[in-house]
Structure formats: structure tokens, C-alpha cells
Amino acid sequence: SPLDVAGVILQSPLESGARAVLGSTVAWLGYSLDIFRNYEKIDKITAPVAIMHGTSDEVVPYANGQALHQKLQTKYAPLWLEGYGHNNMPQDECFDYVKEFIRSVGESKEKTVPTAQ
């Protein structure tokens, strides 16, 4: 089940289609047409969530990642990449972040899973 995941990784996440295109102040105009209202869903994720986003992203504004991070139930330290955009994220830094997140999630899962006897 998707509800049983150990963790979720989001790269340059979209808070909302309308908010990314129109900005949050006028996004309510396109609310009924916006099929990407992730801000209404993100707080239902109980697993740890790791978010990485470039601060100079012009495709999906950095504020989208920040807003989603604020709504998380189980926050993992975000990776805000200063000066990077949507399509030039530094691969090594992103991979290292993902590897550390997976390691962290694996360790915490081991602590909560009873050992077989």
C-alpha cells in the first residue's frame, strides 16, 4: 500500500499547479481546475519526507518546496540548494542527500521492527 512507505523523497515539488503558474495570491481563481493541489495532501503523509529544491528555481518556485515542508507531519532536514534552478541541481549533492535519507529511514525502521525470535 502507498500508505506503508518508509519515506518519501521530493525534488523541486509543486505545491499547486495554479500557485506555481499564477502565484498564491491569485491561485484561487484556478482552484477548480488545479489538479495538483499537493498542499491539501502533504499533511496526510505520516512517513518522513525529504525535500530538495533549488533557491533559484524559475520553473517551480522555491517557495513551493518551503510551503510543503512547513505542512509535513514528519520533517526530514530539507536540502535548499542556494543558487540552483530546476534543471541544474548538483547531482552529487542530491544523490548524497538521498543516500543519507535512505540510510536514516532504514535505521529508524530497524528500531521499530521487532526482531524475529
PDB file of N, CA and C in Angstrom:
ATOM      1  N   SER A   1       0.835  -1.187   0.000  1.00  0.00           N
ATOM      2  CA  SER A   1       0.000   0.000   0.000  1.00  0.00           C
ATOM      3  C   SER A   1       0.878   1.249   0.000  1.00  0.00           C
ATOM      4  N   PRO A   2       0.483   2.296  -0.692  1.00  0.00           N
ATOM      5  CA  PRO A   2       1.256   3.540  -0.670  1.00  0.00           C
ATOM      6  C   PRO A   2       1.345   4.145   0.732  1.00  0.00           C
ATOM      7  N   LEU A   3       0.437   3.762   1.603  1.00  0.00           N
ATOM      8  CA  LEU A   3       0.452   4.309   2.960  1.00  0.00           C
ATOM      9  C   LEU A   3       1.502   3.653   3.830  1.00  0.00           C
ATOM     10  N   ASP A   4       2.103   2.566   3.377  1.00  0.00           N
ATOM     11  CA  ASP A   4       3.086   1.833   4.167  1.00  0.00           C
ATOM     12  C   ASP A   4       4.526   2.145   3.778  1.00  0.00           C
ATOM     13  N   VAL A   5       4.778   3.231   3.104  1.00  0.00           N
ATOM     14  CA  VAL A   5       6.135   3.541   2.677  1.00  0.00           C
ATOM     15  C   VAL A   5       6.996   3.946   3.871  1.00  0.00           C
ATOM     16  N   ALA A   6       8.297   3.715   3.748  1.00  0.00           N
ATOM     17  CA  ALA A   6       9.219   4.078   4.820  1.00  0.00           C
ATOM     18  C   ALA A   6       9.585   5.555   4.760  1.00  0.00           C
ATOM     19  N   GLY A   7       9.527   6.128   3.573  1.00  0.00           N
ATOM     20  CA  GLY A   7       9.878   7.532   3.410  1.00  0.00           C
ATOM     21  C   GLY A   7       9.520   8.021   2.024  1.00  0.00           C
ATOM     22  N   VAL A   8       9.506   9.347   1.871  1.00  0.00           N
ATOM     23  CA  VAL A   8       9.158   9.979   0.594  1.00  0.00           C
ATOM     24  C   VAL A   8      10.232  11.017   0.273  1.00  0.00           C
ATOM     25  N   ILE A   9      10.686  11.027  -0.981  1.00  0.00           N
ATOM     26  CA  ILE A   9      11.676  11.999  -1.432  1.00  0.00           C
ATOM     27  C   ILE A   9      11.030  12.860  -2.508  1.00  0.00           C
ATOM     28  N   LEU A  10      11.108  14.177  -2.336  1.00  0.00           N
ATOM     29  CA  LEU A  10      10.549  15.111  -3.300  1.00  0.00           C
ATOM     30  C   LEU A  10      11.640  16.058  -3.792  1.00  0.00           C
ATOM     31  N   GLN A  11      11.772  16.155  -5.104  1.00  0.00           N
ATOM     32  CA  GLN A  11      12.737  17.086  -5.689  1.00  0.00           C
ATOM     33  C   GLN A  11      11.969  18.174  -6.414  1.00  0.00           C
ATOM     34  N   SER A  12      12.211  19.402  -6.016  1.00  0.00           N
ATOM     35  CA  SER A  12      11.550  20.578  -6.605  1.00  0.00           C
ATOM     36  C   SER A  12      10.037  20.385  -6.654  1.00  0.00           C
ATOM     37  N   PRO A  13       9.418  20.085  -5.499  1.00  0.00           N
ATOM     38  CA  PRO A  13       7.994  19.750  -5.505  1.00  0.00           C
ATOM     39  C   PRO A  13       7.080  20.939  -5.776  1.00  0.00           C
ATOM     40  N   LEU A  14       6.007  20.613  -6.422  1.00  0.00           N
ATOM     41  CA  LEU A  14       4.968  21.570  -6.794  1.00  0.00           C
ATOM     42  C   LEU A  14       3.944  21.647  -5.669  1.00  0.00           C
ATOM     43  N   GLU A  15       3.766  22.810  -5.105  1.00  0.00           N
ATOM     44  CA  GLU A  15       2.746  22.996  -4.073  1.00  0.00           C
ATOM     45  C   GLU A  15       1.358  22.910  -4.704  1.00  0.00           C
ATOM     46  N   SER A  16       1.234  23.513  -5.865  1.00  0.00           N
ATOM     47  CA  SER A  16      -0.027  23.553  -6.603  1.00  0.00           C
ATOM     48  C   SER A  16       0.282  24.025  -8.014  1.00  0.00           C
ATOM     49  N   GLY A  17      -0.415  23.464  -8.990  1.00  0.00           N
ATOM     50  CA  GLY A  17      -0.219  23.914 -10.363  1.00  0.00           C
ATOM     51  C   GLY A  17      -0.563  25.383 -10.520  1.00  0.00           C
ATOM     52  N   ALA A  18      -1.675  25.771  -9.973  1.00  0.00           N
ATOM     53  CA  ALA A  18      -2.111  27.166 -10.083  1.00  0.00           C
ATOM     54  C   ALA A  18      -1.172  28.102  -9.336  1.00  0.00           C
ATOM     55  N   ARG A  19      -0.717  27.693  -8.157  1.00  0.00           N
ATOM     56  CA  ARG A  19       0.183  28.551  -7.377  1.00  0.00           C
ATOM     57  C   ARG A  19       1.544  28.698  -8.062  1.00  0.00           C
ATOM     58  N   ALA A  20       1.998  27.654  -8.730  1.00  0.00           N
ATOM     59  CA  ALA A  20       3.283  27.737  -9.430  1.00  0.00           C
ATOM     60  C   ALA A  20       3.186  28.684 -10.625  1.00  0.00           C
ATOM     61  N   VAL A  21       2.043  28.674 -11.298  1.00  0.00           N
ATOM     62  CA  VAL A  21       1.877  29.493 -12.502  1.00  0.00           C
ATOM     63  C   VAL A  21       1.403  30.903 -12.176  1.00  0.00           C
ATOM     64  N   LEU A  22       0.397  31.000 -11.308  1.00  0.00           N
ATOM     65  CA  LEU A  22      -0.240  32.290 -11.041  1.00  0.00           C
ATOM     66  C   LEU A  22       0.241  32.986  -9.777  1.00  0.00           C
ATOM     67  N   GLY A  23       0.906  32.237  -8.890  1.00  0.00           N
ATOM     68  CA  GLY A  23       1.271  32.789  -7.590  1.00  0.00           C
ATOM     69  C   GLY A  23       0.146  32.526  -6.605  1.00  0.00           C
ATOM     70  N   SER A  24       0.468  32.518  -5.336  1.00  0.00           N
ATOM     71  CA  SER A  24      -0.526  32.116  -4.329  1.00  0.00           C
ATOM     72  C   SER A  24      -1.650  33.124  -4.153  1.00  0.00           C
ATOM     73  N   THR A  25      -1.428  34.387  -4.468  1.00  0.00           N
ATOM     74  CA  THR A  25      -2.479  35.376  -4.247  1.00  0.00           C
ATOM     75  C   THR A  25      -3.635  35.277  -5.232  1.00  0.00           C
ATOM     76  N   VAL A  26      -3.382  34.852  -6.463  1.00  0.00           N
ATOM     77  CA  VAL A  26      -4.465  34.745  -7.440  1.00  0.00           C
ATOM     78  C   VAL A  26      -4.790  33.294  -7.815  1.00  0.00           C
ATOM     79  N   ALA A  27      -4.144  32.352  -7.158  1.00  0.00           N
ATOM     80  CA  ALA A  27      -4.357  30.938  -7.496  1.00  0.00           C
ATOM     81  C   ALA A  27      -5.782  30.485  -7.233  1.00  0.00           C
ATOM     82  N   TRP A  28      -6.467  31.132  -6.321  1.00  0.00           N
ATOM     83  CA  TRP A  28      -7.840  30.729  -6.016  1.00  0.00           C
ATOM     84  C   TRP A  28      -8.736  30.829  -7.252  1.00  0.00           C
ATOM     85  N   LEU A  29      -8.365  31.641  -8.224  1.00  0.00           N
ATOM     86  CA  LEU A  29      -9.151  31.748  -9.461  1.00  0.00           C
ATOM     87  C   LEU A  29      -9.165  30.425 -10.229  1.00  0.00           C
ATOM     88  N   GLY A  30      -8.058  29.710 -10.184  1.00  0.00           N
ATOM     89  CA  GLY A  30      -7.960  28.446 -10.905  1.00  0.00           C
ATOM     90  C   GLY A  30      -8.137  27.225 -10.024  1.00  0.00           C
ATOM     91  N   TYR A  31      -8.651  27.410  -8.802  1.00  0.00           N
ATOM     92  CA  TYR A  31      -8.743  26.311  -7.836  1.00  0.00           C
ATOM     93  C   TYR A  31      -9.454  25.082  -8.409  1.00  0.00           C
ATOM     94  N   SER A  32     -10.595  25.279  -9.025  1.00  0.00           N
ATOM     95  CA  SER A  32     -11.379  24.131  -9.508  1.00  0.00           C
ATOM     96  C   SER A  32     -10.677  23.398 -10.658  1.00  0.00           C
ATOM     97  N   LEU A  33      -9.799  24.062 -11.364  1.00  0.00           N
ATOM     98  CA  LEU A  33      -9.087  23.440 -12.479  1.00  0.00           C
ATOM     99  C   LEU A  33      -7.730  22.868 -12.075  1.00  0.00           C
ATOM    100  N   ASP A  34      -7.299  23.185 -10.869  1.00  0.00           N
ATOM    101  CA  ASP A  34      -5.971  22.781 -10.407  1.00  0.00           C
ATOM    102  C   ASP A  34      -5.995  21.341  -9.915  1.00  0.00           C
ATOM    103  N   ILE A  35      -5.432  20.419 -10.701  1.00  0.00           N
ATOM    104  CA  ILE A  35      -5.424  19.009 -10.303  1.00  0.00           C
ATOM    105  C   ILE A  35      -4.212  18.674  -9.425  1.00  0.00           C
ATOM    106  N   PHE A  36      -3.314  19.643  -9.244  1.00  0.00           N
ATOM    107  CA  PHE A  36      -2.114  19.419  -8.438  1.00  0.00           C
ATOM    108  C   PHE A  36      -2.173  20.235  -7.148  1.00  0.00           C
ATOM    109  N   ARG A  37      -3.147  19.980  -6.310  1.00  0.00           N
ATOM    110  CA  ARG A  37      -3.277  20.689  -5.035  1.00  0.00           C
ATOM    111  C   ARG A  37      -2.544  19.894  -3.946  1.00  0.00           C
ATOM    112  N   ASN A  38      -1.247  19.789  -4.109  1.00  0.00           N
ATOM    113  CA  ASN A  38      -0.438  18.992  -3.189  1.00  0.00           C
ATOM    114  C   ASN A  38      -0.433  19.554  -1.777  1.00  0.00           C
ATOM    115  N   TYR A  39      -0.667  20.849  -1.629  1.00  0.00           N
ATOM    116  CA  TYR A  39      -0.731  21.468  -0.307  1.00  0.00           C
ATOM    117  C   TYR A  39      -1.902  20.910   0.512  1.00  0.00           C
ATOM    118  N   GLU A  40      -2.889  20.327  -0.148  1.00  0.00           N
ATOM    119  CA  GLU A  40      -4.021  19.720   0.565  1.00  0.00           C
ATOM    120  C   GLU A  40      -3.750  18.258   0.923  1.00  0.00           C
ATOM    121  N   LYS A  41      -2.688  17.678   0.392  1.00  0.00           N
ATOM    122  CA  LYS A  41      -2.411  16.253   0.582  1.00  0.00           C
ATOM    123  C   LYS A  41      -1.171  15.989   1.433  1.00  0.00           C
ATOM    124  N   ILE A  42      -0.218  16.906   1.416  1.00  0.00           N
ATOM    125  CA  ILE A  42       1.093  16.660   2.008  1.00  0.00           C
ATOM    126  C   ILE A  42       1.019  16.348   3.503  1.00  0.00           C
ATOM    127  N   ASP A  43       0.076  16.941   4.206  1.00  0.00           N
ATOM    128  CA  ASP A  43      -0.010  16.719   5.657  1.00  0.00           C
ATOM    129  C   ASP A  43      -0.602  15.357   6.021  1.00  0.00           C
ATOM    130  N   LYS A  44      -1.011  14.594   5.031  1.00  0.00           N
ATOM    131  CA  LYS A  44      -1.549  13.251   5.278  1.00  0.00           C
ATOM    132  C   LYS A  44      -0.453  12.180   5.231  1.00  0.00           C
ATOM    133  N   ILE A  45       0.734  12.567   4.792  1.00  0.00           N
ATOM    134  CA  ILE A  45       1.855  11.624   4.739  1.00  0.00           C
ATOM    135  C   ILE A  45       2.436  11.490   6.142  1.00  0.00           C
ATOM    136  N   THR A  46       2.442  10.269   6.654  1.00  0.00           N
ATOM    137  CA  THR A  46       2.964  10.050   8.006  1.00  0.00           C
ATOM    138  C   THR A  46       4.436   9.654   8.001  1.00  0.00           C
ATOM    139  N   ALA A  47       4.928   9.164   6.892  1.00  0.00           N
ATOM    140  CA  ALA A  47       6.339   8.768   6.770  1.00  0.00           C
ATOM    141  C   ALA A  47       7.218  10.022   6.708  1.00  0.00           C
ATOM    142  N   PRO A  48       8.498   9.878   7.027  1.00  0.00           N
ATOM    143  CA  PRO A  48       9.415  11.016   6.873  1.00  0.00           C
ATOM    144  C   PRO A  48       9.461  11.471   5.410  1.00  0.00           C
ATOM    145  N   VAL A  49       9.542  12.773   5.214  1.00  0.00           N
ATOM    146  CA  VAL A  49       9.592  13.336   3.866  1.00  0.00           C
ATOM    147  C   VAL A  49      10.832  14.211   3.739  1.00  0.00           C
ATOM    148  N   ALA A  50      11.627  13.940   2.711  1.00  0.00           N
ATOM    149  CA  ALA A  50      12.813  14.726   2.404  1.00  0.00           C
ATOM    150  C   ALA A  50      12.525  15.575   1.172  1.00  0.00           C
ATOM    151  N   ILE A  51      12.787  16.864   1.286  1.00  0.00           N
ATOM    152  CA  ILE A  51      12.550  17.779   0.168  1.00  0.00           C
ATOM    153  C   ILE A  51      13.851  18.462  -0.202  1.00  0.00           C
ATOM    154  N   MET A  52      14.157  18.460  -1.501  1.00  0.00           N
ATOM    155  CA  MET A  52      15.297  19.225  -2.014  1.00  0.00           C
ATOM    156  C   MET A  52      14.785  20.168  -3.093  1.00  0.00           C
ATOM    157  N   HIS A  53      15.296  21.391  -3.072  1.00  0.00           N
ATOM    158  CA  HIS A  53      14.797  22.397  -4.011  1.00  0.00           C
ATOM    159  C   HIS A  53      15.871  23.470  -4.211  1.00  0.00           C
ATOM    160  N   GLY A  54      16.036  23.908  -5.443  1.00  0.00           N
ATOM    161  CA  GLY A  54      16.961  24.997  -5.748  1.00  0.00           C
ATOM    162  C   GLY A  54      16.323  26.337  -5.422  1.00  0.00           C
ATOM    163  N   THR A  55      17.084  27.221  -4.805  1.00  0.00           N
ATOM    164  CA  THR A  55      16.538  28.524  -4.400  1.00  0.00           C
ATOM    165  C   THR A  55      16.302  29.460  -5.582  1.00  0.00           C
ATOM    166  N   SER A  56      16.900  29.144  -6.730  1.00  0.00           N
ATOM    167  CA  SER A  56      16.728  29.985  -7.920  1.00  0.00           C
ATOM    168  C   SER A  56      15.861  29.306  -8.984  1.00  0.00           C
ATOM    169  N   ASP A  57      15.024  28.383  -8.546  1.00  0.00           N
ATOM    170  CA  ASP A  57      14.159  27.647  -9.472  1.00  0.00           C
ATOM    171  C   ASP A  57      13.122  28.595 -10.074  1.00  0.00           C
ATOM    172  N   GLU A  58      13.120  28.704 -11.395  1.00  0.00           N
ATOM    173  CA  GLU A  58      12.154  29.564 -12.089  1.00  0.00           C
ATOM    174  C   GLU A  58      11.007  28.764 -12.696  1.00  0.00           C
ATOM    175  N   VAL A  59      11.076  27.446 -12.631  1.00  0.00           N
ATOM    176  CA  VAL A  59      10.003  26.593 -13.146  1.00  0.00           C
ATOM    177  C   VAL A  59       8.983  26.333 -12.036  1.00  0.00           C
ATOM    178  N   VAL A  60       9.466  25.808 -10.920  1.00  0.00           N
ATOM    179  CA  VAL A  60       8.637  25.605  -9.725  1.00  0.00           C
ATOM    180  C   VAL A  60       9.285  26.449  -8.631  1.00  0.00           C
ATOM    181  N   PRO A  61       8.698  27.578  -8.296  1.00  0.00           N
ATOM    182  CA  PRO A  61       9.329  28.471  -7.332  1.00  0.00           C
ATOM    183  C   PRO A  61       9.704  27.763  -6.017  1.00  0.00           C
ATOM    184  N   TYR A  62      10.857  28.139  -5.511  1.00  0.00           N
ATOM    185  CA  TYR A  62      11.410  27.615  -4.267  1.00  0.00           C
ATOM    186  C   TYR A  62      10.401  27.698  -3.114  1.00  0.00           C
ATOM    187  N   ALA A  63       9.572  28.722  -3.124  1.00  0.00           N
ATOM    188  CA  ALA A  63       8.555  28.893  -2.074  1.00  0.00           C
ATOM    189  C   ALA A  63       7.600  27.696  -2.029  1.00  0.00           C
ATOM    190  N   ASN A  64       7.409  27.002  -3.151  1.00  0.00           N
ATOM    191  CA  ASN A  64       6.562  25.801  -3.172  1.00  0.00           C
ATOM    192  C   ASN A  64       7.141  24.737  -2.254  1.00  0.00           C
ATOM    193  N   GLY A  65       8.435  24.476  -2.371  1.00  0.00           N
ATOM    194  CA  GLY A  65       9.094  23.496  -1.525  1.00  0.00           C
ATOM    195  C   GLY A  65       9.044  23.892  -0.058  1.00  0.00           C
ATOM    196  N   GLN A  66       9.274  25.168   0.213  1.00  0.00           N
ATOM    197  CA  GLN A  66       9.234  25.661   1.593  1.00  0.00           C
ATOM    198  C   GLN A  66       7.842  25.487   2.197  1.00  0.00           C
ATOM    199  N   ALA A  67       6.815  25.839   1.444  1.00  0.00           N
ATOM    200  CA  ALA A  67       5.441  25.748   1.943  1.00  0.00           C
ATOM    201  C   ALA A  67       5.057  24.293   2.233  1.00  0.00           C
ATOM    202  N   LEU A  68       5.436  23.382   1.344  1.00  0.00           N
ATOM    203  CA  LEU A  68       5.132  21.969   1.573  1.00  0.00           C
ATOM    204  C   LEU A  68       5.889  21.448   2.794  1.00  0.00           C
ATOM    205  N   HIS A  69       7.134  21.860   2.939  1.00  0.00           N
ATOM    206  CA  HIS A  69       7.931  21.406   4.087  1.00  0.00           C
ATOM    207  C   HIS A  69       7.274  21.834   5.402  1.00  0.00           C
ATOM    208  N   GLN A  70       6.720  23.021   5.431  1.00  0.00           N
ATOM    209  CA  GLN A  70       6.067  23.519   6.650  1.00  0.00           C
ATOM    210  C   GLN A  70       4.865  22.684   7.060  1.00  0.00           C
ATOM    211  N   LYS A  71       4.210  22.031   6.109  1.00  0.00           N
ATOM    212  CA  LYS A  71       2.994  21.266   6.382  1.00  0.00           C
ATOM    213  C   LYS A  71       3.239  19.799   6.711  1.00  0.00           C
ATOM    214  N   LEU A  72       4.486  19.364   6.671  1.00  0.00           N
ATOM    215  CA  LEU A  72       4.796  17.946   6.884  1.00  0.00           C
ATOM    216  C   LEU A  72       4.534  17.498   8.314  1.00  0.00           C
ATOM    217  N   GLN A  73       4.080  16.271   8.452  1.00  0.00           N
ATOM    218  CA  GLN A  73       3.939  15.654   9.775  1.00  0.00           C
ATOM    219  C   GLN A  73       5.300  15.226  10.308  1.00  0.00           C
ATOM    220  N   THR A  74       6.090  14.565   9.461  1.00  0.00           N
ATOM    221  CA  THR A  74       7.401  14.055   9.860  1.00  0.00           C
ATOM    222  C   THR A  74       8.443  14.674   8.947  1.00  0.00           C
ATOM    223  N   LYS A  75       9.047  15.753   9.427  1.00  0.00           N
ATOM    224  CA  LYS A  75      10.001  16.505   8.614  1.00  0.00           C
ATOM    225  C   LYS A  75      11.394  15.906   8.711  1.00  0.00           C
ATOM    226  N   TYR A  76      12.034  15.803   7.575  1.00  0.00           N
ATOM    227  CA  TYR A  76      13.446  15.476   7.487  1.00  0.00           C
ATOM    228  C   TYR A  76      14.124  16.775   7.063  1.00  0.00           C
ATOM    229  N   ALA A  77      15.328  17.020   7.529  1.00  0.00           N
ATOM    230  CA  ALA A  77      16.016  18.271   7.187  1.00  0.00           C
ATOM    231  C   ALA A  77      16.032  18.469   5.668  1.00  0.00           C
ATOM    232  N   PRO A  78      15.512  19.585   5.178  1.00  0.00           N
ATOM    233  CA  PRO A  78      15.463  19.813   3.730  1.00  0.00           C
ATOM    234  C   PRO A  78      16.835  20.162   3.175  1.00  0.00           C
ATOM    235  N   LEU A  79      16.966  20.030   1.879  1.00  0.00           N
ATOM    236  CA  LEU A  79      18.178  20.436   1.183  1.00  0.00           C
ATOM    237  C   LEU A  79      17.804  21.606   0.275  1.00  0.00           C
ATOM    238  N   TRP A  80      18.076  22.814   0.752  1.00  0.00           N
ATOM    239  CA  TRP A  80      17.832  24.009  -0.047  1.00  0.00           C
ATOM    240  C   TRP A  80      19.147  24.339  -0.742  1.00  0.00           C
ATOM    241  N   LEU A  81      19.149  24.256  -2.058  1.00  0.00           N
ATOM    242  CA  LEU A  81      20.372  24.423  -2.842  1.00  0.00           C
ATOM    243  C   LEU A  81      20.480  25.850  -3.368  1.00  0.00           C
ATOM    244  N   GLU A  82      21.286  26.622  -2.670  1.00  0.00           N
ATOM    245  CA  GLU A  82      21.456  28.042  -2.957  1.00  0.00           C
ATOM    246  C   GLU A  82      21.984  28.276  -4.375  1.00  0.00           C
ATOM    247  N   GLY A  83      21.214  29.079  -5.137  1.00  0.00           N
ATOM    248  CA  GLY A  83      21.649  29.475  -6.468  1.00  0.00           C
ATOM    249  C   GLY A  83      21.330  28.494  -7.588  1.00  0.00           C
ATOM    250  N   TYR A  84      20.752  27.345  -7.251  1.00  0.00           N
ATOM    251  CA  TYR A  84      20.437  26.361  -8.288  1.00  0.00           C
ATOM    252  C   TYR A  84      18.983  26.489  -8.721  1.00  0.00           C
ATOM    253  N   GLY A  85      18.741  26.129  -9.988  1.00  0.00           N
ATOM    254  CA  GLY A  85      17.407  26.207 -10.552  1.00  0.00           C
ATOM    255  C   GLY A  85      16.750  24.843 -10.637  1.00  0.00           C
ATOM    256  N   HIS A  86      15.815  24.721 -11.555  1.00  0.00           N
ATOM    257  CA  HIS A  86      15.033  23.498 -11.693  1.00  0.00           C
ATOM    258  C   HIS A  86      15.797  22.401 -12.428  1.00  0.00           C
ATOM    259  N   ASN A  87      16.575  22.786 -13.416  1.00  0.00           N
ATOM    260  CA  ASN A  87      17.232  21.801 -14.276  1.00  0.00           C
ATOM    261  C   ASN A  87      18.744  21.721 -14.109  1.00  0.00           C
ATOM    262  N   ASN A  88      19.275  22.351 -13.087  1.00  0.00           N
ATOM    263  CA  ASN A  88      20.732  22.298 -12.909  1.00  0.00           C
ATOM    264  C   ASN A  88      21.113  21.910 -11.471  1.00  0.00           C
ATOM    265  N   MET A  89      20.291  21.108 -10.846  1.00  0.00           N
ATOM    266  CA  MET A  89      20.571  20.670  -9.477  1.00  0.00           C
ATOM    267  C   MET A  89      21.871  19.857  -9.484  1.00  0.00           C
ATOM    268  N   PRO A  90      22.735  20.068  -8.495  1.00  0.00           N
ATOM    269  CA  PRO A  90      24.006  19.348  -8.465  1.00  0.00           C
ATOM    270  C   PRO A  90      23.797  17.867  -8.126  1.00  0.00           C
ATOM    271  N   GLN A  91      24.071  17.019  -9.105  1.00  0.00           N
ATOM    272  CA  GLN A  91      23.770  15.597  -8.993  1.00  0.00           C
ATOM    273  C   GLN A  91      24.416  14.947  -7.772  1.00  0.00           C
ATOM    274  N   ASP A  92      25.693  15.203  -7.537  1.00  0.00           N
ATOM    275  CA  ASP A  92      26.382  14.563  -6.411  1.00  0.00           C
ATOM    276  C   ASP A  92      25.749  14.952  -5.075  1.00  0.00           C
ATOM    277  N   GLU A  93      25.443  16.244  -4.907  1.00  0.00           N
ATOM    278  CA  GLU A  93      24.823  16.693  -3.656  1.00  0.00           C
ATOM    279  C   GLU A  93      23.447  16.062  -3.464  1.00  0.00           C
ATOM    280  N   CYS A  94      22.673  16.019  -4.534  1.00  0.00           N
ATOM    281  CA  CYS A  94      21.334  15.422  -4.464  1.00  0.00           C
ATOM    282  C   CYS A  94      21.424  13.936  -4.134  1.00  0.00           C
ATOM    283  N   PHE A  95      22.319  13.217  -4.803  1.00  0.00           N
ATOM    284  CA  PHE A  95      22.471  11.785  -4.542  1.00  0.00           C
ATOM    285  C   PHE A  95      22.929  11.526  -3.110  1.00  0.00           C
ATOM    286  N   ASP A  96      23.867  12.335  -2.616  1.00  0.00           N
ATOM    287  CA  ASP A  96      24.332  12.171  -1.238  1.00  0.00           C
ATOM    288  C   ASP A  96      23.187  12.398  -0.246  1.00  0.00           C
ATOM    289  N   TYR A  97      22.370  13.395  -0.513  1.00  0.00           N
ATOM    290  CA  TYR A  97      21.217  13.705   0.338  1.00  0.00           C
ATOM    291  C   TYR A  97      20.240  12.528   0.350  1.00  0.00           C
ATOM    292  N   VAL A  98      19.958  11.991  -0.819  1.00  0.00           N
ATOM    293  CA  VAL A  98      19.037  10.854  -0.932  1.00  0.00           C
ATOM    294  C   VAL A  98      19.607   9.628  -0.221  1.00  0.00           C
ATOM    295  N   LYS A  99      20.897   9.359  -0.413  1.00  0.00           N
ATOM    296  CA  LYS A  99      21.519   8.211   0.257  1.00  0.00           C
ATOM    297  C   LYS A  99      21.441   8.350   1.774  1.00  0.00           C
ATOM    298  N   GLU A 100      21.690   9.544   2.285  1.00  0.00           N
ATOM    299  CA  GLU A 100      21.631   9.775   3.733  1.00  0.00           C
ATOM    300  C   GLU A 100      20.194   9.602   4.246  1.00  0.00           C
ATOM    301  N   PHE A 101      19.234  10.084   3.475  1.00  0.00           N
ATOM    302  CA  PHE A 101      17.827   9.932   3.863  1.00  0.00           C
ATOM    303  C   PHE A 101      17.442   8.457   3.917  1.00  0.00           C
ATOM    304  N   ILE A 102      17.826   7.713   2.904  1.00  0.00           N
ATOM    305  CA  ILE A 102      17.503   6.276   2.865  1.00  0.00           C
ATOM    306  C   ILE A 102      18.171   5.560   4.035  1.00  0.00           C
ATOM    307  N   ARG A 103      19.417   5.905   4.319  1.00  0.00           N
ATOM    308  CA  ARG A 103      20.117   5.310   5.462  1.00  0.00           C
ATOM    309  C   ARG A 103      19.378   5.629   6.764  1.00  0.00           C
ATOM    310  N   SER A 104      18.986   6.880   6.916  1.00  0.00           N
ATOM    311  CA  SER A 104      18.283   7.327   8.118  1.00  0.00           C
ATOM    312  C   SER A 104      16.944   6.615   8.288  1.00  0.00           C
ATOM    313  N   VAL A 105      16.205   6.514   7.212  1.00  0.00           N
ATOM    314  CA  VAL A 105      14.904   5.845   7.255  1.00  0.00           C
ATOM    315  C   VAL A 105      15.089   4.363   7.567  1.00  0.00           C
ATOM    316  N   GLY A 106      16.096   3.752   6.960  1.00  0.00           N
ATOM    317  CA  GLY A 106      16.382   2.341   7.226  1.00  0.00           C
ATOM    318  C   GLY A 106      16.735   2.092   8.673  1.00  0.00           C
ATOM    319  N   GLU A 107      17.540   2.975   9.250  1.00  0.00           N
ATOM    320  CA  GLU A 107      17.921   2.831  10.657  1.00  0.00           C
ATOM    321  C   GLU A 107      16.721   2.972  11.578  1.00  0.00           C
ATOM    322  N   SER A 108      15.863   3.948  11.316  1.00  0.00           N
ATOM    323  CA  SER A 108      14.712   4.143  12.191  1.00  0.00           C
ATOM    324  C   SER A 108      13.697   3.010  12.029  1.00  0.00           C
ATOM    325  N   LYS A 109      13.588   2.459  10.826  1.00  0.00           N
ATOM    326  CA  LYS A 109      12.683   1.335  10.580  1.00  0.00           C
ATOM    327  C   LYS A 109      13.172   0.096  11.336  1.00  0.00           C
ATOM    328  N   GLU A 110      14.499  -0.118  11.351  1.00  0.00           N
ATOM    329  CA  GLU A 110      15.062  -1.253  12.088  1.00  0.00           C
ATOM    330  C   GLU A 110      14.752  -1.153  13.574  1.00  0.00           C
ATOM    331  N   LYS A 111      14.745   0.056  14.096  1.00  0.00           N
ATOM    332  CA  LYS A 111      14.483   0.257  15.524  1.00  0.00           C
ATOM    333  C   LYS A 111      13.019  -0.042  15.877  1.00  0.00           C
ATOM    334  N   THR A 112      12.106   0.157  14.908  1.00  0.00           N
ATOM    335  CA  THR A 112      10.690  -0.031  15.205  1.00  0.00           C
ATOM    336  C   THR A 112      10.178  -1.417  14.836  1.00  0.00           C
ATOM    337  N   VAL A 113      10.957  -2.180  14.075  1.00  0.00           N
ATOM    338  CA  VAL A 113      10.532  -3.518  13.673  1.00  0.00           C
ATOM    339  C   VAL A 113      11.030  -4.523  14.710  1.00  0.00           C
ATOM    340  N   PRO A 114      10.128  -5.291  15.306  1.00  0.00           N
ATOM    341  CA  PRO A 114      10.584  -6.278  16.302  1.00  0.00           C
ATOM    342  C   PRO A 114      11.445  -7.351  15.642  1.00  0.00           C
ATOM    343  N   THR A 115      12.448  -7.806  16.342  1.00  0.00           N
ATOM    344  CA  THR A 115      13.310  -8.846  15.806  1.00  0.00           C
ATOM    345  C   THR A 115      12.619 -10.210  15.911  1.00  0.00           C
ATOM    346  N   ALA A 116      12.881 -11.059  14.926  1.00  0.00           N
ATOM    347  CA  ALA A 116      12.291 -12.403  14.921  1.00  0.00           C
ATOM    348  C   ALA A 116      12.928 -13.255  16.013  1.00  0.00           C
ATOM    349  N   GLN A 117      12.126 -14.104  16.620  1.00  0.00           N
ATOM    350  CA  GLN A 117      12.654 -14.954  17.696  1.00  0.00           C
ATOM    351  C   GLN A 117      12.477 -16.400  17.379  1.00  0.00           C
TER     352      GLN A 117
END
